[in-house]
Protein backbone atom coordinates (compact mmCIF):
# COMPACT_ATOMS: atom_id res chain seq x y z
CA MET A 1 33.33 169.44 -98.70
CA THR A 2 34.09 166.10 -97.10
CA LEU A 3 31.62 163.65 -95.59
CA LYS A 4 33.15 164.23 -92.19
CA ARG A 5 33.02 168.06 -92.40
CA SER A 6 29.32 167.97 -93.13
CA MET A 7 28.63 165.89 -90.00
CA ASN A 8 28.24 169.05 -87.98
CA LEU A 9 24.90 169.87 -89.59
CA LEU A 10 22.72 167.82 -87.23
CA SER A 11 19.84 169.88 -85.88
CA HIS A 12 19.56 167.33 -83.10
CA CYS A 13 23.36 167.48 -82.75
CA PHE A 14 23.46 163.78 -83.54
CA VAL A 15 26.94 163.63 -84.92
CA ALA A 16 27.04 161.72 -88.18
CA GLY A 17 28.06 162.34 -91.78
CA LEU A 18 26.26 164.37 -94.42
CA ILE A 19 26.17 163.61 -98.13
CA ALA A 20 25.18 166.75 -99.95
CA THR A 21 25.26 168.73 -103.15
CA ILE A 22 27.19 171.84 -102.33
CA GLU A 23 27.22 175.22 -103.98
CA ALA A 24 29.03 178.35 -102.92
CA GLY A 25 27.11 181.17 -101.32
CA SER A 26 25.02 181.70 -98.22
CA LEU A 27 21.31 181.43 -97.53
CA SER A 28 19.27 184.52 -97.22
CA GLY A 29 16.47 185.34 -94.83
CA GLN A 30 18.36 184.44 -91.61
CA PRO A 31 17.99 186.63 -88.56
CA SER A 32 21.11 188.66 -87.94
CA ALA A 33 23.33 187.35 -85.12
CA THR A 34 25.07 190.69 -84.65
CA ARG A 35 24.19 194.32 -84.22
CA SER A 36 25.77 197.40 -85.72
CA THR A 37 25.70 199.31 -82.43
CA GLY A 38 28.69 197.46 -81.01
CA ALA A 39 26.66 196.26 -78.04
CA ALA A 40 26.64 192.56 -77.17
CA PRO A 41 23.84 190.92 -79.17
CA GLU A 42 20.83 189.54 -77.39
CA PRO A 43 20.54 185.74 -77.20
CA LEU A 44 18.76 184.40 -80.25
CA ASN A 45 15.55 182.40 -80.00
CA TRP A 46 15.72 180.38 -83.19
CA THR A 47 13.60 177.51 -84.38
CA THR A 48 15.18 174.23 -85.40
CA GLN A 49 14.67 175.15 -89.04
CA GLN A 50 16.45 178.49 -88.64
CA ASP A 51 19.42 176.85 -86.97
CA HIS A 52 19.59 174.19 -89.69
CA GLN A 53 19.46 176.77 -92.45
CA ASN A 54 22.11 178.89 -90.79
CA MET A 55 24.53 175.97 -90.56
CA LYS A 56 23.85 175.02 -94.17
CA GLY A 57 24.59 178.59 -95.09
CA GLN A 58 27.89 178.57 -93.21
CA LEU A 59 28.91 175.47 -95.07
CA GLY A 60 27.63 176.61 -98.46
CA ILE A 61 25.21 173.71 -98.78
CA LYS A 62 22.13 174.12 -100.93
CA VAL A 63 20.65 170.62 -101.28
CA LEU A 64 20.71 167.62 -99.01
CA ARG A 65 20.27 164.11 -100.28
CA PRO A 66 17.39 162.41 -98.40
CA GLY A 67 18.05 159.31 -96.35
CA PRO A 68 16.54 155.89 -97.06
CA SER A 69 12.91 155.38 -96.22
CA GLY A 70 11.72 152.90 -93.64
CA ARG A 71 8.60 152.32 -95.66
CA ALA A 72 8.57 149.07 -97.59
CA GLY A 73 8.22 149.54 -101.33
CA ALA A 74 9.49 153.13 -101.34
CA THR A 75 11.77 154.12 -104.20
CA ASN A 76 14.55 154.79 -101.64
CA GLU A 77 13.63 151.91 -99.35
CA ALA A 78 16.23 151.21 -96.68
CA ASN A 79 18.37 148.12 -97.19
CA TYR A 80 17.99 145.31 -94.69
CA ASP A 81 19.78 142.59 -96.65
CA PRO A 82 23.15 141.86 -94.98
CA ALA A 83 24.53 140.65 -98.34
CA LYS A 84 24.18 144.23 -99.65
CA ALA A 85 25.20 146.05 -96.52
CA ASN A 86 28.98 146.35 -96.98
CA PRO A 87 29.82 148.08 -100.31
CA TYR A 88 32.74 149.92 -98.63
CA LEU A 89 35.88 147.79 -98.62
CA ASP A 90 38.40 150.46 -97.65
CA LEU A 91 37.76 150.87 -93.91
CA PRO A 92 40.83 152.58 -92.29
CA ASP A 93 42.98 150.55 -89.96
CA PRO A 94 42.59 151.97 -86.48
CA LEU A 95 46.08 150.64 -85.53
CA THR A 96 47.90 152.45 -88.33
CA LEU A 97 49.07 156.04 -87.91
CA LYS A 98 48.46 158.55 -90.72
CA ASN A 99 52.10 158.35 -91.64
CA GLY A 100 51.76 154.60 -92.16
CA GLN A 101 53.48 153.59 -88.94
CA LYS A 102 51.88 150.60 -87.16
CA VAL A 103 50.79 150.77 -83.56
CA THR A 104 53.11 148.30 -81.86
CA SER A 105 52.74 149.30 -78.20
CA ALA A 106 50.42 150.92 -75.77
CA ASP A 107 52.74 153.90 -75.70
CA VAL A 108 52.37 154.46 -79.44
CA TRP A 109 48.59 154.13 -79.09
CA TRP A 110 48.16 156.62 -76.27
CA LYS A 111 50.72 159.17 -77.44
CA LYS A 112 50.31 159.07 -81.19
CA ARG A 113 47.43 157.14 -82.72
CA ARG A 114 44.69 157.91 -80.22
CA PRO A 115 45.33 161.69 -80.41
CA GLU A 116 44.98 161.44 -84.21
CA ILE A 117 41.57 159.79 -83.87
CA VAL A 118 40.48 162.22 -81.20
CA GLU A 119 41.41 165.17 -83.44
CA ASP A 120 39.49 163.75 -86.37
CA PHE A 121 36.36 163.15 -84.29
CA GLU A 122 36.53 166.58 -82.65
CA ARG A 123 37.10 168.43 -85.91
CA GLU A 124 34.77 166.50 -88.14
CA ILE A 125 32.12 164.64 -86.08
CA VAL A 126 31.28 165.55 -82.48
CA GLY A 127 32.79 169.03 -82.27
CA ARG A 128 35.08 170.58 -79.72
CA VAL A 129 34.36 171.54 -76.11
CA PRO A 130 35.22 175.24 -75.83
CA LYS A 131 38.11 176.21 -73.55
CA ASN A 132 35.94 178.78 -71.74
CA VAL A 133 33.14 176.51 -70.45
CA PRO A 134 32.08 177.92 -67.08
CA ARG A 135 32.49 175.99 -63.85
CA VAL A 136 29.73 173.96 -62.25
CA THR A 137 28.76 174.22 -58.57
CA TRP A 138 26.86 171.24 -57.18
CA MET A 139 24.26 171.49 -54.40
CA ILE A 140 22.13 168.81 -52.72
CA THR A 141 18.53 170.11 -52.89
CA THR A 142 16.82 167.05 -51.38
CA GLN A 143 18.13 164.17 -49.29
CA ALA A 144 16.01 161.27 -48.05
CA VAL A 145 16.87 158.18 -46.07
CA ASP A 146 13.34 156.75 -46.00
CA ARG A 147 13.01 155.68 -49.63
CA VAL A 148 12.82 152.33 -51.38
CA VAL A 149 13.66 150.93 -54.80
CA GLY A 150 11.43 147.90 -55.19
CA GLU A 151 11.35 146.93 -51.53
CA LEU A 152 15.02 147.71 -50.93
CA SER A 153 15.86 150.59 -48.59
CA VAL A 154 17.96 153.31 -50.14
CA VAL A 155 19.43 156.75 -49.53
CA ALA A 156 18.51 159.26 -52.23
CA LYS A 157 19.89 162.70 -53.10
CA GLN A 158 18.52 165.17 -55.62
CA LEU A 159 21.29 167.38 -56.93
CA VAL A 160 21.53 170.50 -59.03
CA GLY A 161 24.75 171.55 -60.78
CA HIS A 162 24.52 175.26 -61.38
CA VAL A 163 26.68 176.48 -64.30
CA ASP A 164 28.16 179.93 -63.76
CA ASN A 165 26.28 182.24 -66.09
CA SER A 166 27.79 185.54 -65.05
CA ALA A 167 29.05 186.03 -68.65
CA CYS A 168 25.47 185.68 -70.01
CA PRO A 169 22.85 186.04 -67.26
CA ALA A 170 19.98 185.62 -69.74
CA ILE A 171 20.78 181.91 -70.10
CA GLU A 172 20.63 179.58 -67.08
CA VAL A 173 21.87 175.99 -67.00
CA ASN A 174 21.11 173.85 -63.98
CA ILE A 175 22.10 170.19 -64.39
CA GLN A 176 19.65 167.82 -62.75
CA MET A 177 20.99 164.57 -61.25
CA THR A 178 19.73 162.01 -58.75
CA LEU A 179 22.00 159.69 -56.73
CA VAL A 180 20.59 156.56 -55.08
CA THR A 181 22.72 154.17 -52.92
CA PRO A 182 21.84 151.16 -50.76
CA SER A 183 21.03 151.95 -47.12
CA ASN A 184 22.87 148.87 -45.92
CA ALA A 185 26.18 149.72 -47.68
CA LYS A 186 29.20 149.27 -45.44
CA GLY A 187 31.33 151.64 -47.52
CA PRO A 188 31.57 153.39 -50.87
CA VAL A 189 29.72 151.57 -53.64
CA PRO A 190 30.10 151.38 -57.43
CA VAL A 191 27.60 153.56 -59.34
CA LEU A 192 26.08 153.33 -62.77
CA MET A 193 25.24 156.80 -64.17
CA MET A 194 22.35 156.69 -66.58
CA PHE A 195 21.21 159.25 -69.18
CA GLY A 196 17.50 159.90 -68.91
CA GLY A 197 15.36 158.48 -66.15
CA PHE A 198 11.69 157.80 -65.42
CA GLY A 199 9.33 159.84 -63.28
CA SER A 200 10.54 162.48 -60.79
CA GLY A 201 14.01 162.38 -62.29
CA GLY A 202 14.62 158.89 -60.83
CA PHE A 203 13.91 159.89 -57.21
CA PRO A 204 12.71 156.77 -55.33
CA ARG A 205 9.33 156.41 -53.64
CA ARG A 206 8.52 156.16 -49.98
CA PRO A 207 7.55 152.78 -48.50
CA GLY A 208 3.86 152.12 -49.07
CA GLU A 209 3.55 154.48 -52.02
CA PRO A 210 2.52 152.91 -55.37
CA ALA A 211 5.36 151.51 -57.38
CA PRO A 212 6.11 153.19 -60.74
CA THR A 213 4.09 151.87 -63.68
CA ASN A 214 5.80 153.77 -66.50
CA ARG A 215 8.14 151.02 -67.73
CA PHE A 216 8.21 150.28 -71.42
CA GLY A 217 6.61 147.03 -72.51
CA ALA A 218 8.79 144.05 -73.30
CA PHE A 219 9.81 143.30 -76.86
CA GLY A 220 7.07 141.28 -78.55
CA GLY A 221 4.44 142.57 -76.11
CA GLY A 222 3.62 141.77 -72.54
CA ASN A 223 5.39 142.93 -69.42
CA PHE A 224 8.93 142.57 -68.16
CA VAL A 225 9.50 139.58 -65.88
CA ASP A 226 12.78 140.82 -64.40
CA PRO A 227 12.87 143.69 -61.92
CA PRO A 228 13.87 147.17 -63.23
CA SER A 229 17.57 147.69 -63.73
CA THR A 230 17.62 150.20 -60.83
CA GLU A 231 16.32 147.55 -58.44
CA GLN A 232 18.82 145.00 -59.75
CA LEU A 233 21.67 147.45 -59.18
CA ILE A 234 20.66 148.19 -55.59
CA ALA A 235 20.22 144.44 -54.91
CA ALA A 236 23.75 143.86 -56.19
CA GLY A 237 25.18 146.45 -53.87
CA TRP A 238 25.56 149.18 -56.51
CA GLY A 239 24.18 152.69 -56.58
CA HIS A 240 22.77 154.49 -59.58
CA ALA A 241 22.77 158.09 -60.72
CA THR A 242 20.27 159.48 -63.19
CA ILE A 243 21.37 162.63 -65.06
CA SER A 244 18.90 164.66 -67.20
CA PRO A 245 20.34 165.35 -70.66
CA GLY A 246 17.74 168.04 -71.36
CA SER A 247 18.95 170.04 -68.35
CA ILE A 248 22.38 170.19 -69.96
CA GLN A 249 21.38 170.80 -73.57
CA ALA A 250 18.01 170.55 -75.35
CA ASP A 251 17.51 167.63 -77.73
CA ASN A 252 16.60 169.81 -80.72
CA GLY A 253 18.03 172.48 -82.98
CA ALA A 254 15.87 175.16 -81.43
CA GLY A 255 17.83 174.74 -78.22
CA LEU A 256 21.30 175.36 -79.65
CA THR A 257 21.29 179.05 -78.69
CA LYS A 258 20.33 177.95 -75.16
CA GLY A 259 21.61 175.29 -72.78
CA ILE A 260 25.35 174.94 -72.17
CA ILE A 261 26.14 175.44 -75.87
CA GLY A 262 24.11 178.67 -75.95
CA LEU A 263 25.54 179.83 -72.66
CA VAL A 264 29.12 179.56 -73.91
CA ASN A 265 28.19 181.20 -77.19
CA LYS A 266 26.18 183.91 -75.37
CA GLY A 267 23.08 182.92 -77.30
CA GLN A 268 24.68 183.18 -80.76
CA PRO A 269 24.82 180.47 -83.47
CA ARG A 270 27.40 177.68 -83.52
CA LYS A 271 30.27 177.48 -85.92
CA PRO A 272 30.67 174.28 -87.96
CA ASP A 273 33.21 172.64 -85.67
CA ASP A 274 31.52 173.70 -82.39
CA TRP A 275 30.19 171.00 -80.11
CA GLY A 276 26.66 169.60 -80.46
CA SER A 277 24.29 167.94 -78.04
CA LEU A 278 26.10 164.62 -77.83
CA ARG A 279 29.32 166.20 -76.82
CA ALA A 280 27.48 168.57 -74.46
CA TRP A 281 25.70 165.64 -72.77
CA ALA A 282 29.08 163.89 -72.38
CA TRP A 283 30.50 167.07 -70.84
CA GLY A 284 27.53 167.18 -68.41
CA ALA A 285 28.09 163.54 -67.44
CA ALA A 286 31.73 164.37 -66.69
CA ARG A 287 30.61 167.21 -64.47
CA GLY A 288 28.25 164.76 -62.70
CA LEU A 289 31.29 162.54 -62.14
CA ASP A 290 33.05 165.53 -60.62
CA TYR A 291 30.36 165.53 -57.93
CA LEU A 292 30.40 161.76 -57.44
CA GLU A 293 34.16 161.98 -56.74
CA THR A 294 33.33 164.11 -53.69
CA ASP A 295 30.53 161.94 -52.28
CA PRO A 296 31.75 159.50 -49.59
CA ALA A 297 28.99 157.03 -50.48
CA VAL A 298 30.43 156.52 -53.97
CA ASP A 299 33.47 154.50 -55.06
CA ALA A 300 34.44 157.04 -57.72
CA LYS A 301 36.95 154.66 -59.37
CA LYS A 302 34.07 152.34 -60.22
CA VAL A 303 31.53 154.59 -61.95
CA GLY A 304 30.06 153.57 -65.25
CA ILE A 305 27.94 155.38 -67.87
CA GLU A 306 24.83 153.97 -69.55
CA GLY A 307 22.46 155.04 -72.32
CA VAL A 308 20.02 153.69 -74.88
CA SER A 309 19.28 154.95 -78.43
CA ARG A 310 20.46 158.58 -78.74
CA TYR A 311 21.60 158.36 -75.14
CA GLY A 312 23.57 155.26 -76.19
CA LYS A 313 25.35 157.57 -78.63
CA ALA A 314 25.97 159.97 -75.77
CA ALA A 315 27.32 157.19 -73.55
CA LEU A 316 29.82 156.20 -76.26
CA VAL A 317 30.97 159.78 -76.65
CA THR A 318 31.26 160.16 -72.88
CA MET A 319 33.39 157.05 -72.53
CA ALA A 320 35.59 158.04 -75.45
CA PHE A 321 36.44 161.49 -74.06
CA GLU A 322 36.21 161.01 -70.27
CA GLN A 323 38.57 158.30 -69.20
CA ARG A 324 37.65 158.53 -65.54
CA PHE A 325 34.54 156.42 -66.26
CA ALA A 326 35.40 152.78 -65.61
CA MET A 327 32.91 151.18 -68.04
CA VAL A 328 30.14 151.90 -70.53
CA LEU A 329 26.86 150.11 -71.20
CA VAL A 330 25.38 151.00 -74.59
CA GLY A 331 22.03 149.91 -76.04
CA SER A 332 20.69 150.43 -79.56
CA SER A 333 22.92 153.40 -80.41
CA GLY A 334 22.36 152.94 -84.12
CA GLU A 335 23.58 155.27 -86.83
CA GLY A 336 25.91 157.87 -85.36
CA GLY A 337 26.62 155.49 -82.55
CA ALA A 338 28.22 152.02 -82.66
CA LYS A 339 26.95 151.32 -86.19
CA LEU A 340 29.50 151.90 -88.95
CA HIS A 341 28.83 154.96 -91.06
CA ARG A 342 30.18 153.00 -94.03
CA ARG A 343 27.50 150.33 -93.84
CA ASN A 344 24.39 150.37 -96.01
CA PHE A 345 21.90 148.92 -93.57
CA GLY A 346 18.80 150.58 -92.17
CA GLU A 347 19.16 154.16 -91.00
CA ALA A 348 21.89 156.14 -92.72
CA VAL A 349 23.77 159.37 -92.01
CA GLU A 350 21.40 161.31 -94.26
CA ASN A 351 18.48 160.44 -91.97
CA LEU A 352 20.29 162.18 -89.11
CA THR A 353 21.32 165.32 -91.01
CA GLY A 354 18.19 166.08 -93.00
CA SER A 355 16.33 168.19 -90.48
């Protein structure tokens, strides 16, 4: 069992490595995913623990090594000393093919080296998007021209992307997205798509209504001095789209037989190289971009993707696999994100795979 192969164990589908003690055999006590009658099995309603145990059983894993503790003085206290952070001196060269050939041109990169890296990441880390993912049909459910962001007039649209569930009617997936553009725009505008959102899915308020008060506090305490990013975007002539990750795929192991992953699998468990939540969120963002390409208010060649923390991980995955996005803005993506797996500093891969 390689470090990469074990990365598929994440109950949160955070794709990272797993260091484990492995023994052959499967775990007992798991609900059966098939029936002897030959009829299509009913969608499972597993807990996070059941999903985690099932995946461990598929991989023959009995014991997981715990990750470092964030508690000072613990026997396995996390390392925060930069001098001790880099014990791995054999990082692979991203510009060398597996056969030893160097990347000497853009053509070699796009046609040879990049496909090698994509295959490694799909097989060992983020999983593969199935070939039979159903189509998405977008519908505007609410449109308002009398809204404001800060004190700036905007046009807002609430959208739902319904995923065809005719193959498994018991599971519904309706992707939630909000699009907000400046009212005074003279033509199509750039848009920053953001994972997450605050209050009402990011739908702006009416003039005179109380402004949102659910912003996080500034680092070190106190309040932010600068306006919210959404207001800054509108002031700069940009639009913003907020897409709800949870409407694509739940952020927990209990949801893996539901959401888009569950719909494609008809409510049955994943296999080790199936996609997880990060790849599913990236797929959903790409479907959101499908809609933006049809909206005349949007300059679809200038759409970026943004995320923070686990959604920062998702933004990285989105940008890596969906080249139609023009840029990516990533914040605090941490382990499983921009942080090197082979770096002993703070959170480690075991922290992501242990539940």
